[in-house]
């Protein structure tokens, strides 16, 4: 069964299964939540359930319709994805014509727009009429981590389902059982993923450890660095290939410094405890918990800028945010 194989979100899975089984699924749904938590996977599973020849609210995975849908070959299951940096108006116009049509084979049609915040404004306006007056047999799913980038008129015509980050314990178990990771590696990935299976699976341990070494050196120097030194550190952070990952790593290190200061042995970065202990005993140790929260808030703010509508302002805001963070980290207690 398609829903049973989806990690987490039991309430949403149950809600959608009941709606499909009772033929009461809304014509337009907005799946909103962090990247990599299973929004697209669940939208596709709902689409397969709509097309299934069975009648229990889930895809049976055994009928011909389920087989074709699972392979992306069913004419009534349509996935619209970004073409380059956006979903273009030509793609949306093609989809709009299909939405207005009748099913080719099944009792319904499913249209999944992945990364829907990348639909251009002109294309969103083209989609609007389909959401206002959809045929009873067409169901549209807009999947996005940035719903604020969609026009208010689009959002108002969709029923929104909000996805939460996946629990760390669930991710850890899943990574051990399906990816063959050691308990320590699975725990590290789950802790750093922010509740995103996609992030956990894409995590590269070697790259992470190289980044962590650089950040450790930065933290060790900040206490005796002057204003120029802290500015240099901020600029280095802003120029990193993945500043969001850098802030995630920095937060994990500061969290461990705070844990050591409090006498807790539960560390995410246990293999570098010998380098963290002097930091925990020094001035940084007193403020490490507060600074870990600040690093997390900076990460969340920058992530919103990068995935939201203010893309051009991202780099300047990143440098300013890192300046503020490095100044706070290097300030005397």
Protein backbone atom coordinates (compact mmCIF):
# COMPACT_ATOMS: atom_id res chain seq x y z
CA UNK A 1 0.00 0.00 0.00
CA UNK A 2 1.40 3.38 -1.06
CA UNK A 3 0.52 5.35 2.09
CA UNK A 4 2.04 2.77 4.43
CA UNK A 5 5.48 3.17 2.84
CA UNK A 6 5.63 6.92 3.48
CA UNK A 7 7.76 7.90 6.43
CA UNK A 8 5.93 9.83 9.16
CA UNK A 9 2.89 12.13 8.90
CA UNK A 10 0.34 9.53 10.12
CA UNK A 11 -2.41 12.12 10.66
CA UNK A 12 -2.13 13.53 7.14
CA UNK A 13 -1.91 10.07 5.60
CA UNK A 14 -5.07 8.99 7.41
CA UNK A 15 -6.90 12.17 6.50
CA UNK A 16 -6.07 11.83 2.81
CA UNK A 17 -6.85 8.12 2.68
CA UNK A 18 -10.30 8.75 4.16
CA UNK A 19 -10.95 11.60 1.72
CA UNK A 20 -10.01 9.43 -1.26
CA UNK A 21 -12.03 6.47 0.01
CA UNK A 22 -15.13 8.61 0.51
CA UNK A 23 -14.68 10.46 -2.80
CA UNK A 24 -14.42 13.75 -0.89
CA UNK A 25 -10.92 14.84 -1.81
CA UNK A 26 -10.78 18.65 -2.39
CA UNK A 27 -10.10 19.73 -5.96
CA UNK A 28 -7.01 21.76 -4.99
CA UNK A 29 -4.57 21.00 -2.17
CA UNK A 30 -1.49 22.94 -1.07
CA UNK A 31 1.14 20.73 0.59
CA UNK A 32 3.27 23.14 2.61
CA UNK A 33 6.27 22.35 4.79
CA UNK A 34 10.06 21.97 4.96
CA UNK A 35 11.96 20.50 2.04
CA UNK A 36 12.65 16.78 2.07
CA UNK A 37 9.93 15.71 4.52
CA UNK A 38 7.80 13.75 2.04
CA UNK A 39 5.33 16.27 0.60
CA UNK A 40 5.86 15.29 -3.04
CA UNK A 41 5.96 11.59 -2.16
CA UNK A 42 2.62 11.81 -0.41
CA UNK A 43 1.06 13.88 -3.21
CA UNK A 44 2.09 11.23 -5.75
CA UNK A 45 0.74 8.49 -3.47
CA UNK A 46 -2.63 10.26 -3.28
CA UNK A 47 -2.62 10.50 -7.06
CA UNK A 48 -2.02 6.76 -7.35
CA UNK A 49 -4.82 6.09 -4.87
CA UNK A 50 -7.19 8.16 -7.02
CA UNK A 51 -6.31 6.09 -10.09
CA UNK A 52 -6.27 2.67 -8.42
CA UNK A 53 -8.82 0.15 -9.64
CA UNK A 54 -9.54 -0.74 -6.01
CA UNK A 55 -11.82 1.23 -3.72
CA UNK A 56 -10.31 1.40 -0.23
CA UNK A 57 -8.71 4.86 -0.32
CA UNK A 58 -5.17 3.66 -1.03
CA UNK A 59 -3.22 2.38 -4.01
CA UNK A 60 -3.19 -1.42 -4.04
CA UNK A 61 0.13 -1.53 -5.96
CA UNK A 62 -1.13 -4.63 -7.75
CA UNK A 63 -3.49 -3.43 -10.48
CA UNK A 64 -2.48 -2.22 -13.94
CA UNK A 65 -3.30 1.41 -13.08
CA UNK A 66 -1.05 1.34 -10.00
CA UNK A 67 1.76 -0.23 -11.99
CA UNK A 68 1.66 2.41 -14.71
CA UNK A 69 1.31 5.27 -12.23
CA UNK A 70 4.27 4.04 -10.18
CA UNK A 71 6.42 4.08 -13.34
CA UNK A 72 5.18 7.52 -14.39
CA UNK A 73 3.33 6.11 -17.40
CA UNK A 74 -0.32 6.68 -16.48
CA UNK A 75 -1.96 9.35 -18.70
CA UNK A 76 -4.11 10.58 -15.79
CA UNK A 77 -1.17 11.17 -13.43
CA UNK A 78 0.75 14.30 -14.44
CA UNK A 79 3.81 15.68 -12.66
CA UNK A 80 4.87 19.27 -13.42
CA UNK A 81 8.41 20.11 -12.33
CA UNK A 82 10.69 23.15 -12.79
CA UNK A 83 12.28 23.55 -16.19
CA UNK A 84 15.54 25.14 -15.14
CA UNK A 85 14.98 27.86 -12.56
CA UNK A 86 11.18 28.03 -12.83
CA UNK A 87 7.96 26.40 -13.92
CA UNK A 88 7.16 28.30 -17.07
CA UNK A 89 3.87 29.52 -18.46
CA UNK A 90 3.99 27.05 -21.37
CA UNK A 91 4.14 24.16 -18.90
CA UNK A 92 1.22 25.56 -16.92
CA UNK A 93 -0.88 26.22 -20.02
CA UNK A 94 -0.37 22.61 -21.12
CA UNK A 95 -1.43 21.44 -17.65
CA UNK A 96 -4.47 23.76 -17.62
CA UNK A 97 -5.73 22.20 -20.84
CA UNK A 98 -5.34 18.75 -19.31
CA UNK A 99 -7.04 19.79 -16.06
CA UNK A 100 -10.10 20.85 -18.04
CA UNK A 101 -10.30 17.47 -19.78
CA UNK A 102 -11.86 14.18 -18.76
CA UNK A 103 -9.84 11.20 -17.49
CA UNK A 104 -8.41 8.94 -20.18
CA UNK A 105 -8.75 5.71 -18.22
CA UNK A 106 -9.56 6.11 -14.54
CA UNK A 107 -12.25 7.87 -12.56
CA UNK A 108 -10.06 10.91 -11.80
CA UNK A 109 -6.92 12.78 -12.79
CA UNK A 110 -4.07 13.96 -10.54
CA UNK A 111 -1.81 16.95 -11.27
CA UNK A 112 1.19 17.43 -8.99
CA UNK A 113 3.12 20.73 -9.25
CA UNK A 114 6.42 20.15 -7.46
CA UNK A 115 8.32 23.23 -6.17
CA UNK A 116 5.16 25.22 -6.87
CA UNK A 117 6.75 28.43 -5.56
CA UNK A 118 8.83 28.39 -8.77
CA UNK A 119 5.73 28.85 -10.94
CA UNK A 120 6.16 32.30 -12.48
CA UNK A 121 3.61 34.98 -11.59
CA UNK A 122 2.23 34.99 -15.13
CA UNK A 123 1.90 31.21 -15.02
CA UNK A 124 0.16 31.37 -11.61
CA UNK A 125 -2.44 33.67 -13.13
CA UNK A 126 -2.92 31.17 -15.95
CA UNK A 127 -3.50 28.42 -13.38
CA UNK A 128 -5.97 30.46 -11.35
CA UNK A 129 -9.09 29.71 -13.41
CA UNK A 130 -8.45 25.97 -13.14
CA UNK A 131 -8.46 26.32 -9.35
CA UNK A 132 -11.60 28.48 -9.38
CA UNK A 133 -13.74 26.17 -11.52
CA UNK A 134 -12.07 22.74 -11.65
CA UNK A 135 -13.94 19.77 -13.12
CA UNK A 136 -15.02 17.23 -10.52
CA UNK A 137 -12.61 14.63 -11.87
CA UNK A 138 -9.42 16.74 -11.71
CA UNK A 139 -7.36 17.18 -8.53
CA UNK A 140 -4.45 19.62 -8.30
CA UNK A 141 -1.64 19.34 -5.73
CA UNK A 142 0.72 22.28 -5.20
CA UNK A 143 3.85 21.16 -3.32
CA UNK A 144 6.10 23.84 -1.84
CA UNK A 145 8.43 24.77 0.99
CA UNK A 146 7.67 28.46 0.39
CA UNK A 147 3.90 29.00 0.18
CA UNK A 148 4.40 32.75 0.73
CA UNK A 149 5.85 32.91 -2.80
CA UNK A 150 2.47 31.92 -4.25
CA UNK A 151 -0.12 34.57 -5.07
CA UNK A 152 -2.72 35.08 -2.32
CA UNK A 153 -5.42 34.28 -4.88
CA UNK A 154 -3.78 30.89 -5.50
CA UNK A 155 -3.46 30.08 -1.80
CA UNK A 156 -7.05 31.10 -1.07
CA UNK A 157 -8.38 28.56 -3.56
CA UNK A 158 -6.47 25.64 -2.06
CA UNK A 159 -6.99 23.67 1.11
CA UNK A 160 -3.64 23.76 2.88
CA UNK A 161 -2.07 20.76 4.59
CA UNK A 162 0.99 21.68 6.67
CA UNK A 163 3.81 19.17 7.01
CA UNK A 164 6.07 19.21 10.06
CA UNK A 165 9.72 18.13 10.26
CA UNK A 166 10.11 14.39 10.78
CA UNK A 167 10.96 13.33 14.37
CA UNK A 168 14.67 12.76 14.93
CA UNK A 169 14.13 9.29 16.42
CA UNK A 170 12.07 8.22 13.40
CA UNK A 171 14.74 9.46 10.99
CA UNK A 172 17.50 7.78 12.95
CA UNK A 173 15.74 4.41 12.91
CA UNK A 174 14.89 4.74 9.22
CA UNK A 175 18.49 5.56 8.28
CA UNK A 176 19.84 2.59 10.22
CA UNK A 177 17.33 0.15 8.76
CA UNK A 178 17.25 1.29 5.13
CA UNK A 179 20.69 2.80 4.50
CA UNK A 180 22.82 0.50 6.61
CA UNK A 181 24.35 3.36 8.58
CA UNK A 182 26.05 2.86 11.92
CA UNK A 183 24.11 4.11 14.98
CA UNK A 184 26.52 7.05 15.40
CA UNK A 185 26.30 8.08 11.74
CA UNK A 186 22.50 7.73 11.70
CA UNK A 187 22.20 9.80 14.88
CA UNK A 188 24.45 12.53 13.49
CA UNK A 189 22.57 12.75 10.19
CA UNK A 190 19.17 12.73 11.88
CA UNK A 191 20.24 15.43 14.35
CA UNK A 192 21.61 17.70 11.63
CA UNK A 193 18.87 17.21 9.07
CA UNK A 194 16.32 19.54 10.63
CA UNK A 195 13.72 16.79 10.30
CA UNK A 196 14.29 16.37 6.54
CA UNK A 197 14.86 12.88 5.17
CA UNK A 198 16.10 14.43 1.93
CA UNK A 199 18.80 16.37 3.78
CA UNK A 200 19.77 13.31 5.84
CA UNK A 201 20.16 11.16 2.73
CA UNK A 202 22.16 13.81 0.87
CA UNK A 203 24.47 14.41 3.81
CA UNK A 204 28.15 13.81 2.94
CA UNK A 205 30.14 12.89 6.03
CA UNK A 206 33.56 13.75 4.60
CA UNK A 207 32.44 17.18 3.42
CA UNK A 208 30.77 17.75 6.77
CA UNK A 209 33.92 16.88 8.70
CA UNK A 210 36.06 19.19 6.55
CA UNK A 211 33.60 22.01 7.17
CA UNK A 212 33.53 21.26 10.88
CA UNK A 213 37.33 21.49 11.14
CA UNK A 214 37.23 24.94 9.56
CA UNK A 215 34.48 26.10 11.91
CA UNK A 216 36.31 24.72 14.96
CA UNK A 217 39.40 26.71 14.01
CA UNK A 218 37.20 29.78 13.61
CA UNK A 219 35.65 29.33 17.07
CA UNK A 220 39.06 28.78 18.66
CA UNK A 221 40.35 32.05 17.19
CA UNK A 222 37.29 34.22 17.79
CA UNK A 223 37.94 34.72 21.49
CA UNK A 224 41.18 36.57 20.77
CA UNK A 225 40.20 38.06 17.41
CA UNK A 226 39.52 41.73 17.13
CA UNK A 227 36.79 43.43 15.14
CA UNK A 228 38.60 42.87 11.84
CA UNK A 229 39.10 39.20 12.65
CA UNK A 230 35.41 38.75 13.34
CA UNK A 231 34.54 40.55 10.11
CA UNK A 232 36.87 38.23 8.19
CA UNK A 233 35.17 35.22 9.78
CA UNK A 234 31.75 36.54 8.79
CA UNK A 235 32.88 37.12 5.22
CA UNK A 236 34.34 33.60 5.02
CA UNK A 237 31.04 32.13 6.20
CA UNK A 238 29.02 34.12 3.70
CA UNK A 239 31.27 32.93 0.85
CA UNK A 240 30.99 29.23 1.67
CA UNK A 241 29.38 27.00 -0.96
CA UNK A 242 26.52 26.17 1.41
CA UNK A 243 26.07 28.81 4.15
CA UNK A 244 22.96 27.01 5.43
CA UNK A 245 25.00 23.85 6.03
CA UNK A 246 27.74 25.94 7.65
CA UNK A 247 25.22 27.38 10.12
CA UNK A 248 23.87 23.90 10.81
CA UNK A 249 27.39 22.71 11.60
CA UNK A 250 28.12 25.78 13.72
CA UNK A 251 24.91 25.27 15.68
CA UNK A 252 25.80 21.64 16.38
CA UNK A 253 29.25 22.62 17.67
CA UNK A 254 27.85 25.34 19.92
CA UNK A 255 25.18 22.96 21.18
CA UNK A 256 27.94 20.51 22.18
CA UNK A 257 29.96 23.27 23.88
CA UNK A 258 26.87 24.10 25.94
CA UNK A 259 26.34 20.42 26.75
CA UNK A 260 29.95 20.02 27.93
CA UNK A 261 29.64 23.16 30.06
CA UNK A 262 26.58 21.61 31.71
CA UNK A 263 28.37 18.30 32.25
CA UNK A 264 26.35 16.33 29.71
CA UNK A 265 28.15 13.54 27.81
CA UNK A 266 25.53 13.43 25.01
CA UNK A 267 27.38 15.07 22.10
CA UNK A 268 26.62 15.19 18.40
CA UNK A 269 30.32 15.72 17.63
CA UNK A 270 31.77 13.29 20.13
CA UNK A 271 34.85 12.62 17.99
CA UNK A 272 36.08 16.21 18.48
CA UNK A 273 35.21 16.47 22.18
CA UNK A 274 38.86 17.13 23.06
CA UNK A 275 38.77 20.36 21.03
CA UNK A 276 35.36 21.38 22.34
CA UNK A 277 36.22 21.01 26.02
CA UNK A 278 38.56 24.06 26.19
CA UNK A 279 35.85 26.14 24.51
CA UNK A 280 33.33 24.92 27.09
CA UNK A 281 35.63 25.97 29.94
CA UNK A 282 36.26 29.41 28.41
CA UNK A 283 34.07 32.49 28.02
CA UNK A 284 32.19 30.99 25.08
CA UNK A 285 30.92 28.14 27.27
CA UNK A 286 28.76 30.52 29.31
CA UNK A 287 26.92 31.74 26.20
CA UNK A 288 27.11 28.66 23.97
CA UNK A 289 23.46 27.69 24.41
CA UNK A 290 22.29 31.19 23.56
CA UNK A 291 24.69 31.34 20.60
CA UNK A 292 23.49 27.95 19.31
CA UNK A 293 19.95 29.33 19.26
CA UNK A 294 21.19 32.46 17.48
CA UNK A 295 22.94 30.33 14.84
CA UNK A 296 19.75 28.36 14.33
CA UNK A 297 17.67 31.52 14.00
CA UNK A 298 20.16 32.96 11.50
CA UNK A 299 19.99 29.75 9.48
CA UNK A 300 16.19 29.78 9.46
CA UNK A 301 16.09 33.44 8.43
CA UNK A 302 18.57 32.97 5.58
CA UNK A 303 16.86 29.80 4.43
CA UNK A 304 13.63 31.76 4.18
CA UNK A 305 15.37 34.44 2.09
CA UNK A 306 16.91 31.87 -0.24
CA UNK A 307 13.72 29.87 -0.84
CA UNK A 308 11.35 32.82 -0.67
CA UNK A 309 10.74 35.81 -2.86
CA UNK A 310 13.68 38.07 -1.93
CA UNK A 311 16.34 36.14 -3.82
CA UNK A 312 18.32 39.20 -4.88
CA UNK A 313 18.67 40.39 -1.33
CA UNK A 314 19.99 37.07 -0.03
CA UNK A 315 23.80 37.58 -0.28
CA UNK A 316 23.78 41.05 1.30
CA UNK A 317 21.50 39.88 4.09
CA UNK A 318 23.71 36.82 4.61
CA UNK A 319 26.86 38.90 5.14
CA UNK A 320 25.07 41.24 7.55
CA UNK A 321 23.61 38.28 9.48
CA UNK A 322 27.03 36.63 9.74
CA UNK A 323 28.60 39.90 10.88
CA UNK A 324 26.09 40.14 13.73
CA UNK A 325 26.55 36.48 14.67
CA UNK A 326 30.36 36.55 14.63
CA UNK A 327 30.41 39.77 16.64
CA UNK A 328 28.22 38.15 19.29
CA UNK A 329 30.33 34.99 19.34
CA UNK A 330 33.58 36.89 19.75
CA UNK A 331 32.33 39.41 22.29
CA UNK A 332 33.74 39.12 25.82
CA UNK A 333 31.45 37.52 28.40
